[in-house]
Amino acid sequence: MLADILTFQEREASGAGRDVDVDALCSTLHMLHKDDLAVTRYFGLGKSDLIHWFGKQSKRESKYSTLEEFERKIHLIGSLAKAGNNSSASRETFEGFYEALLGYFECVFKSDARYVEASNHFDAGSLLSSLRPYVLTSIKRLSEKSLVHCLNTRISEGVETDLESFEHYLNAGATGPILEAYPVLADLLIRHLEGTTAYLYKIIFHFADDADVLMQVFDLPDRRIDSIELGLGDPHADGETVCAVRVAGTSLVYKPRSNREAQLYSSLLMLLHRKTADECFSAKTPSMVSHDDHCWIEKVDNHACEKNAELALFYRRMGAQIALVHALNGIDFHYENIIACGSSPVLIDLECLLTASMIDLQGDLPNTGALFKTLKFNSQSVFSTGFVPYSPDSENDFSGLTAQKQFTTTARQLIREQGFFHLKRIKVDKTPLVKHLPIFEGAQYSLDNYQGEFLEGFGFAYDEVMKHQAAILELIHQHAALLKTRVLIKNTQRYIDFIELTLHPRFTQCMLQRQLLLATLWSEPNESLKKMWPAMS
């Protein structure tokens, strides 16, 4: 079964592998691909040739070299399961499986050759404790669907009768056999946990190298890390996320990128303040230490205004900042990316400050057509920034100006119907810690009573941006070589849904099945995007 981890390319190059389930692969091929377009781009074969290739696969004695190492890691994970823990009072469903993977993460971290040197810069007990929630959550996210499938398979075979007996099976050391039955899942988990470990060492040694500067800029009281809170943003580039690094009561935000966009934004505010001497451009920006591949940022808190008049100043500044962000074609400024610090709205994630519009890449759309004009108009609207409510009829307004305090989200709940289990999406209420609204005397204030100040700030700032556009463009030109931006080929939610689909058991048992799904990403018909495909692959 472990040979099912091999990709099409690995099988072709090495001749390694074993028989494949041709019927299952053909079923997936026909279900996902209506023509040859995407499979030809991904595999280099059309559908009929790919089906012929499936049929040619025969049992082979040869082994792919990496499978032995892969098998060793799975056996190690199995040995880390807490055998004999058959308590029915488990704190969480499938806990025995999750704990074995958590044990592997700790084993990889502590057995790393860099551990002894790195341990001079952190408290081991508190650090590992702080990492546990993120690691367990990510293990659950990757494996939950496959575990439910495994449970139902064993029920259908008469091996299990209920969830409790399956929990006993997991606690008795079944993690290894399950990973062997779902080798793609095993590979995803191992890569994720090893990648998280590598990222932790990167953070720790960056902290050690930067300690002198950090102590000077942020007045740190110590040189040892107490905790690291991972997962403060979406994972990018091998799963690296924004995180909070806590040192003796002081928290810093670490980002695995230079964050030059934030430096540019701060410089633009300073430029406009010098040109206008207006306080709407003197809003607070976080202190930062930036390097080519990472940065450290002051953790800004939701402080209250000292005077009632500061509420009006806050919304005037908010209007001004929206004007500047809109002029730069910034997007993604939802409420979680703004912190009200006294009279200053502080923007904390400027990764999408300068964003190329996908409509400009839609070369197959006639620029005189209604669709092109509509998309172009929407992309140039202030609504695209994310600051302004864009779904007035929605039960969730995530915009940067939202006054909503409670949101509706979904969660997966394990239920049993007709003898089998499945994960059902249920609606749950979520009351997040709202930090984007200004506070005065213990109360939060929305835009409702400050619309005049807000609109005046927006209009004034936009006029000043236009008035001083030559100086602004010159400043952007000076920073341009170091700036980065993102181009979203598809809507973000489509990526989220696609990643969820890749975790279906059909795609965690066989890599060829997974590749057939991945190949659908190459179905984009837009001719103007073809030049991007080599980079995407």
Protein backbone atom coordinates (compact mmCIF):
# COMPACT_ATOMS: atom_id res chain seq x y z
CA MET A 1 0.00 0.00 0.00
CA LEU A 2 2.88 2.38 0.63
CA ALA A 3 3.65 2.39 -3.10
CA ASP A 4 0.39 4.28 -3.56
CA ILE A 5 2.32 7.35 -2.40
CA LEU A 6 4.29 7.41 -5.66
CA THR A 7 3.43 10.09 -8.18
CA PHE A 8 2.93 9.55 -11.89
CA GLN A 9 6.30 11.19 -12.50
CA GLU A 10 8.09 8.97 -9.95
CA ARG A 11 6.58 5.81 -11.43
CA GLU A 12 7.61 6.90 -14.92
CA ALA A 13 11.16 7.79 -13.92
CA SER A 14 11.92 4.78 -11.74
CA GLY A 15 9.65 1.98 -12.88
CA ALA A 16 8.80 1.46 -9.24
CA GLY A 17 5.34 0.89 -7.88
CA ARG A 18 2.68 -1.80 -8.04
CA ASP A 19 -0.68 -2.55 -9.62
CA VAL A 20 -3.20 0.24 -9.52
CA ASP A 21 -6.99 0.13 -9.34
CA VAL A 22 -7.61 0.95 -12.98
CA ASP A 23 -11.41 1.07 -12.65
CA ALA A 24 -11.25 3.53 -9.74
CA LEU A 25 -8.75 5.75 -11.53
CA CYS A 26 -10.77 5.75 -14.75
CA SER A 27 -13.90 6.62 -12.79
CA THR A 28 -12.16 9.62 -11.22
CA LEU A 29 -10.63 10.63 -14.56
CA HIS A 30 -14.02 10.71 -16.29
CA MET A 31 -15.69 12.42 -13.33
CA LEU A 32 -13.15 15.26 -13.10
CA HIS A 33 -12.10 15.73 -16.73
CA LYS A 34 -14.50 16.15 -19.64
CA ASP A 35 -11.72 16.59 -22.22
CA ASP A 36 -7.94 16.25 -22.67
CA LEU A 37 -7.03 19.87 -21.86
CA ALA A 38 -6.00 19.73 -18.20
CA VAL A 39 -4.61 16.16 -18.13
CA THR A 40 -2.43 16.87 -21.15
CA ARG A 41 -0.99 19.94 -19.45
CA TYR A 42 -0.43 18.08 -16.18
CA PHE A 43 0.57 14.54 -17.23
CA GLY A 44 1.64 15.10 -20.82
CA LEU A 45 -0.91 12.49 -21.90
CA GLY A 46 -4.48 12.73 -23.13
CA LYS A 47 -7.27 10.81 -21.40
CA SER A 48 -7.10 7.71 -23.63
CA ASP A 49 -3.30 7.52 -23.34
CA LEU A 50 -3.54 7.96 -19.58
CA ILE A 51 -6.05 5.13 -19.31
CA HIS A 52 -3.68 2.95 -21.36
CA TRP A 53 -0.85 3.90 -18.97
CA PHE A 54 -2.98 2.87 -15.98
CA GLY A 55 -3.56 -0.50 -17.60
CA LYS A 56 0.13 -1.07 -18.30
CA GLN A 57 1.09 -0.83 -14.63
CA SER A 58 2.21 -4.25 -13.49
CA LYS A 59 3.58 -5.63 -10.26
CA ARG A 60 7.19 -4.77 -9.83
CA GLU A 61 9.80 -6.03 -7.43
CA SER A 62 11.80 -2.83 -7.53
CA LYS A 63 11.40 -0.35 -4.71
CA TYR A 64 11.50 3.38 -4.86
CA SER A 65 14.37 4.50 -2.60
CA THR A 66 12.36 6.98 -0.54
CA LEU A 67 9.74 4.40 0.41
CA GLU A 68 12.08 2.76 2.93
CA GLU A 69 12.56 6.06 4.73
CA PHE A 70 8.82 6.74 4.51
CA GLU A 71 8.09 3.32 6.01
CA ARG A 72 10.59 3.95 8.82
CA LYS A 73 8.85 7.19 9.77
CA ILE A 74 5.43 5.53 9.83
CA HIS A 75 6.75 2.79 12.11
CA LEU A 76 8.26 5.44 14.39
CA ILE A 77 4.92 7.23 14.63
CA GLY A 78 3.21 3.95 15.43
CA SER A 79 5.69 3.28 18.21
CA LEU A 80 4.94 6.67 19.76
CA ALA A 81 1.27 5.84 20.28
CA LYS A 82 0.37 5.60 23.94
CA ALA A 83 -0.34 1.89 24.08
CA GLY A 84 -2.71 0.74 26.79
CA ASN A 85 -4.55 4.05 27.03
CA ASN A 86 -8.00 2.52 26.65
CA SER A 87 -9.89 5.06 28.71
CA SER A 88 -13.31 5.75 27.23
CA ALA A 89 -13.15 9.27 28.69
CA SER A 90 -11.02 10.65 25.88
CA ARG A 91 -11.11 14.41 25.71
CA GLU A 92 -11.49 14.41 21.93
CA THR A 93 -12.64 12.03 19.23
CA PHE A 94 -9.73 10.16 17.60
CA GLU A 95 -7.40 11.46 20.32
CA GLY A 96 -5.20 8.36 20.25
CA PHE A 97 -4.30 9.02 16.62
CA TYR A 98 -3.72 12.74 17.17
CA GLU A 99 -1.49 12.17 20.19
CA ALA A 100 0.75 9.77 18.27
CA LEU A 101 1.32 12.42 15.59
CA LEU A 102 1.93 15.07 18.25
CA GLY A 103 4.53 12.72 19.74
CA TYR A 104 6.21 12.51 16.34
CA PHE A 105 6.32 16.30 16.10
CA GLU A 106 8.01 16.57 19.51
CA CYS A 107 10.39 13.73 18.60
CA VAL A 108 11.44 15.45 15.36
CA PHE A 109 11.89 18.75 17.16
CA LYS A 110 13.98 17.37 20.02
CA SER A 111 16.08 14.99 17.88
CA ASP A 112 17.14 17.73 15.48
CA ALA A 113 20.90 18.35 15.48
CA ARG A 114 20.22 22.03 16.20
CA TYR A 115 18.21 21.39 19.35
CA VAL A 116 21.03 21.74 21.88
CA GLU A 117 22.20 25.06 20.49
CA ALA A 118 18.65 26.35 20.01
CA SER A 119 17.63 25.41 23.57
CA ASN A 120 19.76 28.30 24.83
CA HIS A 121 17.15 30.63 23.40
CA PHE A 122 13.88 29.17 24.70
CA ASP A 123 12.20 27.52 27.66
CA ALA A 124 11.44 24.00 26.41
CA GLY A 125 8.43 23.27 28.62
CA SER A 126 6.51 26.47 27.96
CA LEU A 127 7.46 26.52 24.26
CA LEU A 128 6.15 23.02 23.52
CA SER A 129 3.02 23.73 25.55
CA SER A 130 2.32 26.86 23.47
CA LEU A 131 2.75 24.92 20.21
CA ARG A 132 0.41 22.07 21.13
CA PRO A 133 -2.95 23.74 20.17
CA TYR A 134 -1.78 24.68 16.67
CA VAL A 135 -0.15 21.31 15.97
CA LEU A 136 -3.17 19.32 17.18
CA THR A 137 -5.58 21.50 15.21
CA SER A 138 -3.57 21.04 12.00
CA ILE A 139 -3.32 17.26 12.52
CA LYS A 140 -7.09 17.09 13.01
CA ARG A 141 -7.80 19.23 9.95
CA LEU A 142 -5.66 16.99 7.71
CA SER A 143 -6.76 13.60 9.02
CA GLU A 144 -10.33 13.80 10.32
CA LYS A 145 -12.06 12.81 7.05
CA SER A 146 -9.79 9.82 6.53
CA LEU A 147 -10.31 8.64 10.11
CA VAL A 148 -14.09 8.74 9.67
CA HIS A 149 -13.68 6.75 6.45
CA CYS A 150 -11.50 4.21 8.26
CA LEU A 151 -14.10 3.93 11.04
CA ASN A 152 -16.92 3.33 8.55
CA THR A 153 -14.84 0.78 6.63
CA ARG A 154 -14.24 -1.22 9.79
CA ILE A 155 -17.95 -1.02 10.67
CA SER A 156 -18.92 -2.28 7.19
CA GLU A 157 -16.46 -5.16 7.60
CA GLY A 158 -17.93 -6.04 10.99
CA VAL A 159 -14.70 -5.27 12.84
CA GLU A 160 -16.10 -2.32 14.77
CA THR A 161 -19.55 -1.77 16.18
CA ASP A 162 -19.36 1.82 17.38
CA LEU A 163 -17.13 4.82 17.95
CA GLU A 164 -16.02 3.67 21.39
CA SER A 165 -14.56 0.41 20.06
CA PHE A 166 -12.74 2.39 17.35
CA GLU A 167 -11.27 4.68 20.02
CA HIS A 168 -9.96 1.58 21.81
CA TYR A 169 -8.42 0.48 18.50
CA LEU A 170 -6.67 3.85 18.12
CA ASN A 171 -5.46 3.89 21.71
CA ALA A 172 -4.06 0.37 21.31
CA GLY A 173 -1.56 1.58 18.70
CA ALA A 174 -3.44 1.54 15.38
CA THR A 175 -1.90 4.77 14.11
CA GLY A 176 0.80 3.00 12.08
CA PRO A 177 -1.56 0.63 10.20
CA ILE A 178 -3.96 3.51 9.45
CA LEU A 179 -1.15 5.61 7.99
CA GLU A 180 -0.09 2.66 5.84
CA ALA A 181 -3.67 2.37 4.54
CA TYR A 182 -3.79 6.11 3.80
CA PRO A 183 -0.24 6.79 2.57
CA VAL A 184 -1.03 10.16 0.99
CA LEU A 185 -2.41 11.31 4.34
CA ALA A 186 0.72 9.97 6.03
CA ASP A 187 2.89 11.93 3.63
CA LEU A 188 0.86 15.13 4.19
CA LEU A 189 1.12 14.78 7.97
CA ILE A 190 4.81 13.96 8.01
CA ARG A 191 5.66 16.81 5.64
CA HIS A 192 3.53 19.23 7.65
CA LEU A 193 5.01 18.29 11.03
CA GLU A 194 8.57 18.27 9.74
CA GLY A 195 7.94 21.57 7.96
CA THR A 196 6.54 23.09 11.15
CA THR A 197 9.66 21.94 13.00
CA ALA A 198 11.94 23.48 10.39
CA TYR A 199 9.97 26.72 10.59
CA LEU A 200 10.30 26.80 14.38
CA TYR A 201 14.07 26.53 14.14
CA LYS A 202 14.06 29.34 11.60
CA ILE A 203 12.12 31.56 14.03
CA ILE A 204 14.33 30.65 17.00
CA PHE A 205 17.62 31.29 15.21
CA HIS A 206 16.30 34.50 13.66
CA PHE A 207 15.46 35.59 17.19
CA ALA A 208 18.94 34.67 18.42
CA ASP A 209 20.62 36.52 15.54
CA ASP A 210 18.42 39.60 15.96
CA ALA A 211 18.31 39.69 19.77
CA ASP A 212 20.54 42.76 20.21
CA VAL A 213 18.49 44.85 17.80
CA LEU A 214 15.18 43.55 19.19
CA MET A 215 16.17 44.44 22.74
CA GLN A 216 17.02 47.95 21.60
CA VAL A 217 13.94 48.58 19.43
CA PHE A 218 11.31 46.82 21.55
CA ASP A 219 12.96 47.08 24.98
CA LEU A 220 12.81 43.32 25.51
CA PRO A 221 13.48 42.25 29.11
CA ASP A 222 15.09 38.89 28.24
CA ARG A 223 16.78 36.86 25.50
CA ARG A 224 14.79 33.62 25.89
CA ILE A 225 11.53 32.76 24.15
CA ASP A 226 8.71 31.64 26.44
CA SER A 227 6.14 30.76 23.80
CA ILE A 228 5.36 30.84 20.10
CA GLU A 229 1.76 31.06 18.92
CA LEU A 230 1.60 29.80 15.34
CA GLY A 231 -1.28 30.20 12.92
CA LEU A 232 -2.07 33.91 13.24
CA GLY A 233 -2.60 34.11 9.49
CA ASP A 234 -3.13 31.85 6.51
CA PRO A 235 -0.18 29.51 5.83
CA HIS A 236 1.98 30.35 2.81
CA ALA A 237 5.26 29.02 1.39
CA ASP A 238 5.53 25.52 2.89
CA GLY A 239 3.00 26.25 5.64
CA GLU A 240 4.79 29.16 7.28
CA THR A 241 2.41 31.43 9.17
CA VAL A 242 2.51 34.71 11.02
CA CYS A 243 3.10 34.03 14.71
CA ALA A 244 3.37 35.75 18.08
CA VAL A 245 6.66 35.28 19.92
CA ARG A 246 6.42 35.98 23.65
CA VAL A 247 9.49 36.98 25.65
CA ALA A 248 9.09 37.59 29.40
CA GLY A 249 5.67 39.20 29.08
CA THR A 250 6.36 41.08 25.83
CA SER A 251 4.90 39.81 22.56
CA LEU A 252 6.35 40.44 19.11
CA VAL A 253 4.76 39.52 15.80
CA TYR A 254 7.05 37.50 13.53
CA LYS A 255 6.36 37.33 9.81
CA PRO A 256 8.31 35.04 7.42
CA ARG A 257 8.70 37.83 4.88
CA SER A 258 10.32 41.25 4.73
CA ASN A 259 7.04 43.20 5.02
CA ARG A 260 8.46 46.02 2.92
CA GLU A 261 4.89 46.95 2.01
CA ALA A 262 4.31 48.08 5.60
CA GLN A 263 7.46 50.18 5.47
CA LEU A 264 6.25 51.80 2.26
CA TYR A 265 2.84 52.49 3.76
CA SER A 266 4.37 54.11 6.83
CA SER A 267 6.60 56.22 4.57
CA LEU A 268 3.60 57.30 2.50
CA LEU A 269 1.73 58.44 5.62
CA MET A 270 4.80 60.38 6.75
CA LEU A 271 5.14 61.97 3.30
CA LEU A 272 1.52 63.10 3.25
CA HIS A 273 1.79 64.40 6.80
CA ARG A 274 4.83 66.47 5.84
CA LYS A 275 3.03 67.81 2.78
CA THR A 276 -0.23 68.64 4.55
CA ALA A 277 0.58 68.93 8.29
CA ASP A 278 -2.84 67.33 8.81
CA GLU A 279 -3.37 64.97 11.74
CA CYS A 280 -5.36 62.51 9.65
CA PHE A 281 -1.99 61.33 8.26
CA SER A 282 -0.29 61.09 11.68
CA ALA A 283 -1.91 57.80 12.69
CA LYS A 284 0.25 55.31 14.56
CA THR A 285 2.16 52.69 12.62
CA PRO A 286 3.84 49.75 14.39
CA SER A 287 7.58 49.71 15.08
CA MET A 288 9.36 47.09 12.99
CA VAL A 289 12.69 45.40 12.39
CA SER A 290 12.82 44.13 8.83
CA HIS A 291 15.22 41.80 7.02
CA ASP A 292 15.15 40.34 3.54
CA ASP A 293 13.35 37.14 4.56
CA HIS A 294 11.62 37.99 7.84
CA CYS A 295 10.56 40.80 10.13
CA TRP A 296 9.61 41.55 13.72
CA ILE A 297 6.69 43.88 14.40
CA GLU A 298 5.39 45.57 17.51
CA LYS A 299 2.23 43.82 18.76
CA VAL A 300 -0.37 46.59 18.77
CA ASP A 301 -3.13 46.39 21.38
CA ASN A 302 -6.71 47.70 21.32
CA HIS A 303 -6.18 50.73 23.60
CA ALA A 304 -9.00 53.11 24.53
CA CYS A 305 -9.24 56.75 23.51
CA GLU A 306 -8.33 59.20 26.27
CA LYS A 307 -10.84 61.86 25.18
CA ASN A 308 -14.25 61.74 23.56
CA ALA A 309 -13.00 63.95 20.71
CA GLU A 310 -10.55 61.20 19.72
CA LEU A 311 -13.45 59.08 18.44
CA ALA A 312 -14.14 61.62 15.69
CA LEU A 313 -10.40 61.80 14.92
CA PHE A 314 -10.26 58.00 14.69
CA TYR A 315 -12.94 57.90 11.98
CA ARG A 316 -11.46 60.84 10.12
CA ARG A 317 -8.17 58.96 10.05
CA MET A 318 -9.99 55.81 8.99
CA GLY A 319 -11.51 57.65 6.03
CA ALA A 320 -8.08 59.00 5.10
CA GLN A 321 -6.44 55.58 5.24
CA ILE A 322 -9.16 54.01 3.11
CA ALA A 323 -8.54 56.73 0.52
CA LEU A 324 -4.82 55.97 0.44
CA VAL A 325 -5.32 52.18 0.32
CA HIS A 326 -7.90 52.57 -2.45
CA ALA A 327 -5.52 54.73 -4.48
CA LEU A 328 -2.90 51.95 -4.18
CA ASN A 329 -5.45 49.27 -5.21
CA GLY A 330 -5.19 47.56 -1.83
CA ILE A 331 -7.53 44.69 -0.92
CA ASP A 332 -8.32 42.33 1.98
CA PHE A 333 -8.75 44.94 4.71
CA HIS A 334 -11.36 43.11 6.76
CA TYR A 335 -11.97 43.76 10.46
CA GLU A 336 -9.30 41.31 11.65
CA ASN A 337 -6.62 43.33 9.83
CA ILE A 338 -7.35 46.54 11.74
CA ILE A 339 -6.68 47.41 15.38
CA ALA A 340 -8.05 50.52 17.04
CA CYS A 341 -5.19 51.93 19.12
CA GLY A 342 -6.55 55.08 20.76
CA SER A 343 -7.40 57.54 17.99
CA SER A 344 -5.41 55.57 15.38
CA PRO A 345 -6.72 52.81 13.12
CA VAL A 346 -3.65 50.58 12.72
CA LEU A 347 -3.50 48.33 9.64
CA ILE A 348 -1.65 45.16 10.62
CA ASP A 349 -1.56 43.12 7.40
CA LEU A 350 -0.43 45.00 4.32
CA GLU A 351 0.49 42.00 2.16
CA CYS A 352 -2.24 43.01 -0.32
CA LEU A 353 -1.51 46.75 -0.28
CA LEU A 354 -0.46 46.79 -3.94
CA THR A 355 -2.54 44.28 -5.85
CA ALA A 356 -2.69 43.57 -9.55
CA SER A 357 -6.24 43.25 -10.81
CA MET A 358 -7.01 39.94 -12.50
CA ILE A 359 -9.31 41.70 -14.94
CA ASP A 360 -6.21 43.19 -16.58
CA LEU A 361 -5.07 39.62 -17.36
CA GLN A 362 -8.37 38.58 -18.89
CA GLY A 363 -7.06 38.81 -22.43
CA ASP A 364 -9.86 36.61 -23.78
CA LEU A 365 -12.54 39.13 -22.78
CA PRO A 366 -13.26 41.94 -25.27
CA ASN A 367 -12.67 45.22 -23.46
CA THR A 368 -15.80 46.67 -25.05
CA GLY A 369 -18.05 43.95 -23.64
CA ALA A 370 -20.46 44.39 -20.73
CA LEU A 371 -18.76 41.66 -18.62
CA PHE A 372 -15.32 43.21 -18.95
CA LYS A 373 -16.65 46.67 -18.13
CA THR A 374 -18.53 45.37 -15.07
CA LEU A 375 -15.51 43.47 -13.74
CA LYS A 376 -13.27 46.47 -14.39
CA PHE A 377 -15.69 48.80 -12.61
CA ASN A 378 -15.92 46.50 -9.58
CA SER A 379 -12.14 46.12 -9.37
CA GLN A 380 -11.76 49.90 -9.32
CA SER A 381 -14.45 50.44 -6.69
CA VAL A 382 -13.66 51.26 -3.06
CA PHE A 383 -15.72 48.17 -2.20
CA SER A 384 -12.83 46.02 -3.43
CA THR A 385 -10.63 47.21 -0.53
CA GLY A 386 -12.58 45.17 1.99
CA PHE A 387 -13.11 48.18 4.27
CA VAL A 388 -16.68 48.79 3.15
CA PRO A 389 -19.52 46.30 3.77
CA TYR A 390 -19.94 44.42 0.51
CA SER A 391 -22.70 41.93 1.42
CA PRO A 392 -25.50 43.98 3.00
CA ASP A 393 -27.89 41.02 3.05
CA SER A 394 -25.35 38.59 4.47
CA GLU A 395 -25.47 37.40 8.06
CA ASN A 396 -21.72 37.98 8.23
CA ASP A 397 -20.20 41.39 7.53
CA PHE A 398 -16.43 40.96 7.79
CA SER A 399 -15.59 44.39 6.42
CA GLY A 400 -13.16 46.73 8.10
CA LEU A 401 -16.02 49.03 9.13
CA THR A 402 -18.38 46.35 10.41
CA ALA A 403 -20.24 46.96 13.66
CA GLN A 404 -21.18 43.29 13.92
CA LYS A 405 -20.13 41.58 17.14
CA GLN A 406 -21.39 38.04 16.56
CA PHE A 407 -20.85 36.01 13.42
CA THR A 408 -22.22 32.76 12.07
CA THR A 409 -19.73 30.15 10.96
CA THR A 410 -19.76 26.42 10.37
CA ALA A 411 -18.14 23.56 12.19
CA ARG A 412 -17.93 19.84 11.50
CA GLN A 413 -19.85 17.57 13.83
CA LEU A 414 -19.46 13.79 13.83
CA ILE A 415 -22.88 12.16 13.72
CA ARG A 416 -24.15 8.64 13.11
CA GLU A 417 -26.94 7.86 10.69
CA GLN A 418 -28.10 4.41 9.54
CA GLY A 419 -25.18 2.76 11.27
CA PHE A 420 -22.39 4.86 9.72
CA PHE A 421 -20.66 8.07 10.73
CA HIS A 422 -20.16 11.25 8.76
CA LEU A 423 -19.04 14.81 9.33
CA LYS A 424 -21.97 17.18 9.11
CA ARG A 425 -21.58 20.91 8.65
CA ILE A 426 -23.53 22.78 11.32
CA LYS A 427 -23.95 26.49 11.93
CA VAL A 428 -22.43 27.87 15.10
CA ASP A 429 -22.28 31.35 16.53
CA LYS A 430 -18.86 32.93 16.89
CA THR A 431 -18.14 35.94 19.09
CA PRO A 432 -14.59 37.01 18.28
CA LEU A 433 -12.55 39.53 20.20
CA VAL A 434 -13.36 42.70 18.25
CA LYS A 435 -10.37 45.05 18.11
CA HIS A 436 -11.09 47.29 15.12
CA LEU A 437 -13.60 49.59 16.85
CA PRO A 438 -12.43 52.55 18.97
CA ILE A 439 -13.11 52.44 22.71
CA PHE A 440 -14.00 55.27 25.09
CA GLU A 441 -14.90 54.80 28.75
CA GLY A 442 -15.33 51.05 28.28
CA ALA A 443 -17.69 51.21 25.29
CA GLN A 444 -16.98 50.53 21.61
CA TYR A 445 -18.16 53.02 19.01
CA SER A 446 -19.12 52.23 15.43
CA LEU A 447 -19.13 54.50 12.41
CA ASP A 448 -22.84 55.37 12.75
CA ASN A 449 -22.37 58.65 14.63
CA TYR A 450 -19.18 59.72 12.81
CA GLN A 451 -20.08 59.43 9.15
CA GLY A 452 -19.45 63.14 8.54
CA GLU A 453 -15.90 62.98 9.89
CA PHE A 454 -15.28 59.74 8.04
CA LEU A 455 -16.39 61.07 4.65
CA GLU A 456 -14.55 64.34 5.17
CA GLY A 457 -11.35 62.42 5.93
CA PHE A 458 -11.78 60.24 2.84
CA GLY A 459 -12.44 63.18 0.52
CA PHE A 460 -9.64 65.32 1.93
CA ALA A 461 -7.09 62.50 1.80
CA TYR A 462 -8.00 61.44 -1.74
CA ASP A 463 -7.64 65.03 -2.96
CA GLU A 464 -4.22 65.25 -1.30
CA VAL A 465 -3.14 61.93 -2.81
CA MET A 466 -4.02 63.25 -6.25
CA LYS A 467 -2.38 66.59 -5.54
CA HIS A 468 0.90 64.95 -4.47
CA GLN A 469 0.80 61.95 -6.77
CA ALA A 470 4.19 62.79 -8.31
CA ALA A 471 5.89 62.61 -4.90
CA ILE A 472 3.94 59.46 -4.03
CA LEU A 473 4.93 57.75 -7.27
CA GLU A 474 8.56 58.72 -6.71
CA LEU A 475 8.47 57.18 -3.23
CA ILE A 476 6.87 54.00 -4.58
CA HIS A 477 9.54 53.87 -7.29
CA GLN A 478 12.26 54.06 -4.62
CA HIS A 479 10.74 51.06 -2.80
CA ALA A 480 9.61 49.13 -5.89
CA ALA A 481 12.53 46.72 -6.17
CA LEU A 482 11.84 45.32 -2.68
CA LEU A 483 8.04 45.16 -2.85
CA LYS A 484 5.98 42.02 -3.34
CA THR A 485 2.35 41.47 -4.16
CA ARG A 486 -0.04 38.59 -4.66
CA VAL A 487 -1.99 37.71 -7.77
CA LEU A 488 -5.05 35.59 -7.03
CA ILE A 489 -5.78 33.48 -10.09
CA LYS A 490 -9.07 32.37 -8.55
CA ASN A 491 -11.25 33.50 -5.67
CA THR A 492 -9.73 32.71 -2.26
CA GLN A 493 -12.76 30.66 -1.20
CA ARG A 494 -12.25 28.40 -4.23
CA TYR A 495 -8.75 27.59 -3.00
CA ILE A 496 -10.09 26.85 0.49
CA ASP A 497 -12.78 24.56 -0.91
CA PHE A 498 -10.26 22.84 -3.20
CA ILE A 499 -7.84 22.15 -0.34
CA GLU A 500 -10.73 20.67 1.65
CA LEU A 501 -11.58 18.43 -1.30
CA THR A 502 -8.00 17.12 -1.51
CA LEU A 503 -8.48 15.70 1.99
CA HIS A 504 -11.32 13.41 0.91
CA PRO A 505 -10.34 9.74 1.54
CA ARG A 506 -10.42 9.05 -2.21
CA PHE A 507 -7.42 11.35 -2.50
CA THR A 508 -5.57 10.40 0.70
CA GLN A 509 -5.22 6.71 -0.20
CA CYS A 510 -3.67 7.00 -3.66
CA MET A 511 -1.39 9.70 -5.05
CA LEU A 512 -2.50 9.07 -8.63
CA GLN A 513 -6.08 9.83 -7.56
CA ARG A 514 -4.86 13.02 -5.92
CA GLN A 515 -2.95 14.02 -9.05
CA LEU A 516 -6.07 13.62 -11.14
CA LEU A 517 -7.71 16.16 -8.83
CA LEU A 518 -4.70 18.49 -8.88
CA ALA A 519 -4.74 18.39 -12.68
CA THR A 520 -8.09 20.22 -12.67
CA LEU A 521 -6.19 23.37 -11.69
CA TRP A 522 -4.77 23.35 -15.23
CA SER A 523 -8.22 23.69 -16.79
CA GLU A 524 -8.07 27.51 -16.88
CA PRO A 525 -9.03 28.39 -20.46
CA ASN A 526 -7.71 31.95 -20.37
CA GLU A 527 -4.93 32.11 -22.94
CA SER A 528 -3.31 35.11 -21.24
CA LEU A 529 -2.59 33.00 -18.15
CA LYS A 530 -0.66 30.25 -19.94
CA LYS A 531 2.67 31.91 -19.20
CA MET A 532 1.99 31.39 -15.49
CA TRP A 533 1.55 27.62 -15.66
CA PRO A 534 5.26 26.70 -15.47
CA ALA A 535 5.56 28.71 -12.24
CA MET A 536 2.42 27.08 -10.84
CA SER A 537 3.72 23.58 -11.52
